[in-house]
Amino acid sequence: MIITFKAIFRNNPYTLDSIKAILIEEKIEGSVNIMPSKNSKFISYTISAVFPSEDCLNRICSKITTLDSYMTMF
């Protein structure tokens, strides 16, 4: 089952690479789509993937929340 969630960050040029690195580290193949706000001050990252367990999903979400410029996740 594919799980999709969003994380909102202040605009930071390294966030996308950091999110992708977390997925690779956890051996998760998924997609990360970006949507900047109207004035590009914020960026929404939509992450979609199949996670092998709830623990894996929780680990990834926890790591994402520690990234610089993180604001919220839903």
N, C-alpha and C. Protein backbone atom coordinates (compact mmCIF):
# COMPACT_ATOMS: atom_id res chain seq x y z
N MET A 1 0.83 -1.18 0.00
CA MET A 1 0.00 0.00 0.00
C MET A 1 0.88 1.25 0.00
N ILE A 2 0.58 2.18 -0.88
CA ILE A 2 1.36 3.41 -0.96
C ILE A 2 0.87 4.39 0.10
N ILE A 3 1.81 4.95 0.82
CA ILE A 3 1.51 5.96 1.83
C ILE A 3 2.07 7.29 1.32
N THR A 4 1.25 8.33 1.43
CA THR A 4 1.65 9.66 0.99
C THR A 4 1.51 10.62 2.15
N PHE A 5 2.54 11.46 2.34
CA PHE A 5 2.45 12.50 3.35
C PHE A 5 3.20 13.73 2.87
N LYS A 6 2.93 14.86 3.49
CA LYS A 6 3.57 16.12 3.11
C LYS A 6 4.36 16.67 4.27
N ALA A 7 5.46 17.32 3.93
CA ALA A 7 6.27 18.04 4.90
C ALA A 7 6.51 19.44 4.35
N ILE A 8 6.32 20.43 5.18
CA ILE A 8 6.49 21.82 4.78
C ILE A 8 7.78 22.35 5.39
N PHE A 9 8.55 23.03 4.55
CA PHE A 9 9.83 23.61 4.98
C PHE A 9 9.92 25.05 4.50
N ARG A 10 10.73 25.83 5.19
CA ARG A 10 11.13 27.12 4.63
C ARG A 10 12.05 26.78 3.45
N ASN A 11 12.07 27.64 2.47
CA ASN A 11 12.86 27.39 1.27
C ASN A 11 14.34 27.24 1.63
N ASN A 12 14.88 26.10 1.34
CA ASN A 12 16.28 25.77 1.62
C ASN A 12 16.77 24.91 0.45
N PRO A 13 17.86 25.26 -0.20
CA PRO A 13 18.27 24.54 -1.41
C PRO A 13 18.68 23.08 -1.19
N TYR A 14 18.92 22.67 0.05
CA TYR A 14 19.41 21.30 0.30
C TYR A 14 18.35 20.35 0.83
N THR A 15 17.14 20.82 1.04
CA THR A 15 16.11 19.98 1.65
C THR A 15 15.75 18.78 0.79
N LEU A 16 15.54 18.99 -0.49
CA LEU A 16 15.16 17.88 -1.38
C LEU A 16 16.23 16.79 -1.36
N ASP A 17 17.49 17.16 -1.46
CA ASP A 17 18.57 16.17 -1.42
C ASP A 17 18.60 15.45 -0.07
N SER A 18 18.32 16.16 1.00
CA SER A 18 18.33 15.55 2.33
C SER A 18 17.19 14.54 2.48
N ILE A 19 16.01 14.88 1.98
CA ILE A 19 14.88 13.95 2.04
C ILE A 19 15.17 12.70 1.21
N LYS A 20 15.70 12.89 0.02
CA LYS A 20 16.05 11.75 -0.83
C LYS A 20 17.11 10.88 -0.17
N ALA A 21 18.08 11.49 0.51
CA ALA A 21 19.13 10.73 1.20
C ALA A 21 18.54 9.88 2.32
N ILE A 22 17.56 10.42 3.03
CA ILE A 22 16.91 9.66 4.11
C ILE A 22 16.20 8.44 3.51
N LEU A 23 15.50 8.62 2.41
CA LEU A 23 14.81 7.48 1.78
C LEU A 23 15.81 6.42 1.31
N ILE A 24 16.90 6.87 0.71
CA ILE A 24 17.93 5.93 0.24
C ILE A 24 18.55 5.18 1.42
N GLU A 25 18.84 5.90 2.49
CA GLU A 25 19.42 5.28 3.69
C GLU A 25 18.52 4.18 4.25
N GLU A 26 17.21 4.40 4.15
CA GLU A 26 16.25 3.40 4.65
C GLU A 26 15.85 2.39 3.57
N LYS A 27 16.49 2.50 2.39
CA LYS A 27 16.23 1.59 1.27
C LYS A 27 14.76 1.64 0.81
N ILE A 28 14.24 2.87 0.74
CA ILE A 28 12.87 3.09 0.29
C ILE A 28 12.89 3.75 -1.07
N GLU A 29 12.21 3.13 -2.03
CA GLU A 29 12.07 3.74 -3.35
C GLU A 29 10.72 4.44 -3.37
N GLY A 30 10.77 5.74 -3.55
CA GLY A 30 9.54 6.51 -3.57
C GLY A 30 9.73 7.76 -4.38
N SER A 31 8.69 8.56 -4.43
CA SER A 31 8.77 9.81 -5.17
C SER A 31 8.65 10.98 -4.20
N VAL A 32 9.32 12.06 -4.55
CA VAL A 32 9.26 13.29 -3.78
C VAL A 32 8.91 14.41 -4.76
N ASN A 33 7.73 14.97 -4.60
CA ASN A 33 7.29 16.07 -5.46
C ASN A 33 7.34 17.36 -4.66
N ILE A 34 7.70 18.44 -5.32
CA ILE A 34 7.80 19.72 -4.63
C ILE A 34 6.78 20.71 -5.18
N MET A 35 6.30 21.58 -4.28
CA MET A 35 5.38 22.63 -4.66
C MET A 35 5.74 23.87 -3.85
N PRO A 36 6.34 24.86 -4.50
CA PRO A 36 6.68 26.09 -3.78
C PRO A 36 5.43 26.92 -3.50
N SER A 37 5.49 27.71 -2.45
CA SER A 37 4.39 28.64 -2.16
C SER A 37 4.40 29.75 -3.20
N LYS A 38 3.39 30.57 -3.16
CA LYS A 38 3.23 31.64 -4.16
C LYS A 38 4.48 32.51 -4.27
N ASN A 39 5.09 32.85 -3.14
CA ASN A 39 6.28 33.70 -3.17
C ASN A 39 7.58 32.92 -2.96
N SER A 40 7.47 31.58 -2.98
CA SER A 40 8.61 30.67 -2.83
C SER A 40 9.31 30.78 -1.48
N LYS A 41 8.62 31.31 -0.48
CA LYS A 41 9.20 31.37 0.86
C LYS A 41 9.17 29.98 1.52
N PHE A 42 8.16 29.20 1.18
CA PHE A 42 7.98 27.85 1.72
C PHE A 42 7.89 26.85 0.57
N ILE A 43 8.24 25.60 0.88
CA ILE A 43 8.11 24.53 -0.11
C ILE A 43 7.46 23.32 0.56
N SER A 44 6.47 22.76 -0.13
CA SER A 44 5.81 21.55 0.32
C SER A 44 6.41 20.37 -0.42
N TYR A 45 6.83 19.37 0.33
CA TYR A 45 7.39 18.13 -0.25
C TYR A 45 6.38 17.02 -0.02
N THR A 46 5.89 16.43 -1.10
CA THR A 46 4.96 15.32 -1.01
C THR A 46 5.74 14.03 -1.25
N ILE A 47 5.77 13.18 -0.25
CA ILE A 47 6.54 11.93 -0.31
C ILE A 47 5.56 10.77 -0.43
N SER A 48 5.74 9.95 -1.44
CA SER A 48 4.89 8.77 -1.66
C SER A 48 5.79 7.55 -1.83
N ALA A 49 5.47 6.49 -1.07
CA ALA A 49 6.27 5.27 -1.15
C ALA A 49 5.54 4.13 -0.46
N VAL A 50 6.04 2.93 -0.70
CA VAL A 50 5.58 1.76 0.04
C VAL A 50 6.58 1.55 1.17
N PHE A 51 6.09 1.58 2.39
CA PHE A 51 6.94 1.41 3.57
C PHE A 51 6.73 0.00 4.11
N PRO A 52 7.80 -0.74 4.38
CA PRO A 52 7.67 -2.13 4.79
C PRO A 52 7.04 -2.32 6.17
N SER A 53 7.10 -1.28 7.00
CA SER A 53 6.53 -1.39 8.34
C SER A 53 6.21 0.00 8.88
N GLU A 54 5.41 0.02 9.91
CA GLU A 54 5.09 1.28 10.57
C GLU A 54 6.34 1.86 11.24
N ASP A 55 7.19 0.98 11.77
CA ASP A 55 8.44 1.45 12.38
C ASP A 55 9.32 2.18 11.38
N CYS A 56 9.41 1.66 10.18
CA CYS A 56 10.20 2.29 9.12
C CYS A 56 9.62 3.66 8.79
N LEU A 57 8.32 3.74 8.62
CA LEU A 57 7.65 5.01 8.33
C LEU A 57 7.92 6.01 9.45
N ASN A 58 7.80 5.58 10.68
CA ASN A 58 8.03 6.47 11.83
C ASN A 58 9.48 6.95 11.88
N ARG A 59 10.43 6.06 11.57
CA ARG A 59 11.85 6.45 11.55
C ARG A 59 12.10 7.54 10.51
N ILE A 60 11.55 7.33 9.32
CA ILE A 60 11.74 8.30 8.24
C ILE A 60 11.10 9.64 8.62
N CYS A 61 9.89 9.61 9.12
CA CYS A 61 9.23 10.85 9.52
C CYS A 61 10.03 11.56 10.61
N SER A 62 10.54 10.82 11.56
CA SER A 62 11.35 11.42 12.63
C SER A 62 12.60 12.08 12.07
N LYS A 63 13.25 11.43 11.13
CA LYS A 63 14.46 12.00 10.53
C LYS A 63 14.14 13.26 9.74
N ILE A 64 13.02 13.25 9.03
CA ILE A 64 12.64 14.42 8.24
C ILE A 64 12.38 15.62 9.16
N THR A 65 11.77 15.38 10.32
CA THR A 65 11.48 16.49 11.23
C THR A 65 12.73 17.13 11.81
N THR A 66 13.86 16.46 11.72
CA THR A 66 15.11 17.03 12.26
C THR A 66 15.85 17.88 11.24
N LEU A 67 15.40 17.88 9.99
CA LEU A 67 16.08 18.66 8.96
C LEU A 67 15.92 20.15 9.20
N ASP A 68 16.93 20.90 8.78
CA ASP A 68 16.93 22.35 8.91
C ASP A 68 15.75 22.94 8.14
N SER A 69 15.09 23.92 8.70
CA SER A 69 13.97 24.66 8.10
C SER A 69 12.65 23.89 8.11
N TYR A 70 12.58 22.75 8.82
CA TYR A 70 11.32 21.99 8.93
C TYR A 70 10.28 22.82 9.67
N MET A 71 9.02 22.73 9.19
CA MET A 71 7.93 23.44 9.84
C MET A 71 6.84 22.50 10.34
N THR A 72 6.27 21.68 9.45
CA THR A 72 5.18 20.80 9.84
C THR A 72 5.06 19.63 8.88
N MET A 73 4.33 18.61 9.31
CA MET A 73 4.12 17.43 8.48
C MET A 73 2.67 16.98 8.65
N PHE A 74 2.09 16.51 7.54
CA PHE A 74 0.74 15.94 7.62
C PHE A 74 0.54 14.94 6.51
